[in-house]
Amino acid sequence: MYKQVRTLFIATTIGGCLLAGNAAMAGQKAQFKDMVGRDPIKVFDVMTSRGFTSVDTYTTSDDYVVTWWYNAKTGQCVNTQSKDNRVTSADEDGYPKCTEAAAQAGGNQPSAGGASNPPKKARKACHHRFGDHSDVQSFTALKPGWWEIILTGKHGRKVACTVNNDGSIDDWVEMK
């Protein structure tokens, strides 16, 4: 009796592991919502164990630490926000550094518009509006098909140009 129960338990356990492994290989999304409320240091270990790699971290003006994670197996791009040693949110969203990580990993999961650089048409429209010679200092994908491009020029002039992939400028802000 003991051998039969033990054999059944082992077979069930192995079968369950195989099913779980096959589900993960089939592109099932990795869990991350359960990170909310945890210590950010522990979250790093848990996210890594679930196949995520940290691709960027920054601190906001109101002291939230935002960490972006990319999972090459599932194509997920997730950000966690923490404050006072607790994760306050965990959300799936697009981000350019996830797109870059996907390209490096050979993945085909686009995030934040599907490109890691604004198209030539968008850059050209912003350069044209700037008026004189300008250089792209940085760019950020805002939502699919939209970019914020930061341009700098002679004499310290700096602007933020919000533009879509077709070169239609939505906003133009002179920066100090």
Protein backbone atom coordinates (compact mmCIF):
# COMPACT_ATOMS: atom_id res chain seq x y z
CA MET A 1 0.00 0.00 0.00
CA TYR A 2 2.76 2.44 0.96
CA LYS A 3 4.66 1.82 -2.30
CA GLN A 4 1.55 2.40 -4.40
CA VAL A 5 0.74 5.71 -2.69
CA ARG A 6 4.36 6.87 -2.92
CA THR A 7 4.60 5.84 -6.58
CA LEU A 8 1.33 7.63 -7.36
CA PHE A 9 2.54 10.76 -5.54
CA ILE A 10 5.87 10.78 -7.43
CA ALA A 11 4.17 10.17 -10.78
CA THR A 12 1.63 12.93 -10.09
CA THR A 13 4.37 15.33 -9.04
CA ILE A 14 6.48 14.62 -12.13
CA GLY A 15 3.45 14.87 -14.38
CA GLY A 16 2.48 18.19 -12.83
CA CYS A 17 6.00 19.53 -13.33
CA LEU A 18 5.97 18.43 -16.96
CA LEU A 19 2.62 20.12 -17.53
CA ALA A 20 3.84 23.32 -15.87
CA GLY A 21 7.01 23.24 -17.94
CA ASN A 22 5.06 22.73 -21.17
CA ALA A 23 2.72 25.61 -20.30
CA ALA A 24 5.71 27.91 -19.76
CA MET A 25 7.23 26.79 -23.07
CA ALA A 26 3.95 27.50 -24.82
CA GLY A 27 4.43 31.22 -24.03
CA GLN A 28 2.31 31.46 -20.91
CA LYS A 29 2.88 34.78 -19.15
CA ALA A 30 5.02 34.89 -16.02
CA GLN A 31 3.36 36.06 -12.81
CA PHE A 32 4.36 39.41 -11.32
CA LYS A 33 1.28 41.02 -9.69
CA ASP A 34 2.10 39.28 -6.40
CA MET A 35 5.16 41.54 -6.01
CA VAL A 36 2.99 44.36 -4.61
CA GLY A 37 3.59 44.77 -0.87
CA ARG A 38 6.93 42.94 -0.87
CA ASP A 39 10.38 44.21 0.01
CA PRO A 40 12.09 45.43 -3.23
CA ILE A 41 15.26 43.47 -2.46
CA LYS A 42 13.28 40.23 -2.24
CA VAL A 43 11.39 41.20 -5.41
CA PHE A 44 14.69 41.30 -7.29
CA ASP A 45 15.36 37.65 -6.40
CA VAL A 46 11.79 36.53 -7.17
CA MET A 47 11.57 38.35 -10.52
CA THR A 48 14.96 36.93 -11.55
CA SER A 49 13.85 33.42 -10.61
CA ARG A 50 10.80 33.89 -12.85
CA GLY A 51 12.95 34.72 -15.87
CA PHE A 52 12.95 38.53 -15.69
CA THR A 53 16.03 40.70 -16.10
CA SER A 54 16.22 44.25 -14.78
CA VAL A 55 16.75 46.59 -17.76
CA ASP A 56 16.45 50.03 -16.12
CA THR A 57 15.91 51.72 -12.77
CA TYR A 58 15.32 55.33 -11.83
CA THR A 59 14.02 57.40 -8.92
CA THR A 60 11.14 59.83 -9.46
CA SER A 61 10.98 63.32 -7.97
CA ASP A 62 8.61 62.02 -5.27
CA ASP A 63 11.07 59.25 -4.23
CA TYR A 64 9.49 56.26 -5.94
CA VAL A 65 12.02 53.78 -7.33
CA VAL A 66 10.85 52.45 -10.70
CA THR A 67 12.45 49.28 -12.03
CA TRP A 68 11.76 47.92 -15.51
CA TRP A 69 11.98 44.17 -16.11
CA TYR A 70 12.08 42.13 -19.32
CA ASN A 71 11.36 38.41 -19.69
CA ALA A 72 12.88 37.02 -22.91
CA LYS A 73 10.86 33.79 -22.76
CA THR A 74 7.45 35.46 -22.49
CA GLY A 75 8.21 38.83 -24.12
CA GLN A 76 6.80 40.63 -21.07
CA CYS A 77 7.94 44.11 -20.09
CA VAL A 78 6.99 44.94 -16.49
CA ASN A 79 7.65 47.87 -14.19
CA THR A 80 7.62 47.77 -10.43
CA GLN A 81 7.40 50.90 -8.32
CA SER A 82 8.48 51.01 -4.70
CA LYS A 83 8.61 53.52 -1.89
CA ASP A 84 9.49 53.17 1.80
CA ASN A 85 10.88 49.64 1.25
CA ARG A 86 7.63 48.26 -0.23
CA VAL A 87 6.60 47.62 -3.82
CA THR A 88 3.50 49.74 -4.43
CA SER A 89 2.64 48.62 -7.97
CA ALA A 90 3.57 46.09 -10.65
CA ASP A 91 2.29 46.62 -14.20
CA GLU A 92 2.94 45.25 -17.67
CA ASP A 93 3.67 48.00 -20.17
CA GLY A 94 5.96 48.88 -23.07
CA TYR A 95 9.35 50.54 -22.55
CA PRO A 96 12.21 51.18 -25.04
CA LYS A 97 14.83 49.35 -22.98
CA CYS A 98 12.63 46.24 -23.05
CA THR A 99 12.56 46.52 -26.84
CA GLU A 100 16.36 46.76 -26.84
CA ALA A 101 16.61 43.71 -24.55
CA ALA A 102 14.27 41.80 -26.87
CA ALA A 103 16.44 42.65 -29.87
CA GLN A 104 19.58 41.55 -28.02
CA ALA A 105 17.89 38.31 -26.97
CA GLY A 106 16.68 37.70 -30.52
CA GLY A 107 13.08 38.03 -29.39
CA ASN A 108 10.26 39.26 -31.53
CA GLN A 109 8.07 40.81 -28.84
CA PRO A 110 7.89 44.56 -29.50
CA SER A 111 7.13 46.99 -26.72
CA ALA A 112 6.21 50.67 -26.75
CA GLY A 113 5.54 51.01 -30.44
CA GLY A 114 7.62 48.15 -31.75
CA ALA A 115 10.79 50.08 -32.55
CA SER A 116 13.79 51.01 -30.44
CA ASN A 117 14.39 54.26 -32.37
CA PRO A 118 11.99 56.86 -33.72
CA PRO A 119 11.55 56.58 -37.49
CA LYS A 120 13.46 58.92 -39.77
CA LYS A 121 10.26 60.81 -40.65
CA ALA A 122 9.65 61.67 -36.97
CA ARG A 123 13.26 62.78 -36.37
CA LYS A 124 13.27 64.84 -39.56
CA ALA A 125 10.06 66.69 -38.59
CA CYS A 126 11.53 67.66 -35.21
CA HIS A 127 14.85 68.75 -36.75
CA HIS A 128 12.97 70.84 -39.35
CA ARG A 129 10.86 72.56 -36.68
CA PHE A 130 13.99 73.29 -34.60
CA GLY A 131 15.19 75.56 -37.40
CA ASP A 132 18.95 75.30 -37.15
CA HIS A 133 21.42 72.48 -36.72
CA SER A 134 20.32 70.21 -33.88
CA ASP A 135 21.33 66.91 -32.35
CA VAL A 136 19.10 64.27 -30.80
CA GLN A 137 20.08 64.13 -27.14
CA SER A 138 17.58 61.42 -26.23
CA PHE A 139 14.24 59.92 -27.15
CA THR A 140 11.50 58.05 -25.35
CA ALA A 141 8.66 55.94 -26.72
CA LEU A 142 5.48 57.35 -25.18
CA LYS A 143 2.84 55.01 -26.58
CA PRO A 144 2.64 53.00 -29.79
CA GLY A 145 3.56 55.29 -32.66
CA TRP A 146 4.46 58.34 -30.51
CA TRP A 147 7.84 59.66 -29.34
CA GLU A 148 9.34 62.41 -27.24
CA ILE A 149 12.57 63.53 -28.86
CA ILE A 150 14.90 65.86 -26.94
CA LEU A 151 16.96 68.06 -29.27
CA THR A 152 19.89 70.32 -28.44
CA GLY A 153 21.36 73.04 -30.61
CA LYS A 154 23.90 75.82 -30.70
CA HIS A 155 24.09 78.17 -27.75
CA GLY A 156 22.50 75.68 -25.34
CA ARG A 157 19.00 75.67 -26.82
CA LYS A 158 17.06 72.52 -25.86
CA VAL A 159 13.56 71.39 -26.83
CA ALA A 160 11.22 68.46 -26.30
CA CYS A 161 9.36 67.45 -29.46
CA THR A 162 6.36 65.11 -29.18
CA VAL A 163 5.87 63.51 -32.59
CA ASN A 164 4.22 60.47 -34.16
CA ASN A 165 5.83 57.99 -36.56
CA ASP A 166 4.44 59.94 -39.56
CA GLY A 167 6.16 63.18 -38.50
CA SER A 168 3.11 64.98 -37.13
CA ILE A 169 4.23 67.14 -34.19
CA ASP A 170 1.75 67.22 -31.32
CA ASP A 171 3.72 69.29 -28.78
CA TRP A 172 6.85 71.46 -28.71
CA VAL A 173 8.40 72.67 -25.46
CA GLU A 174 11.45 74.88 -25.01
CA MET A 175 13.49 73.55 -22.09
CA LYS A 176 15.93 75.28 -19.77
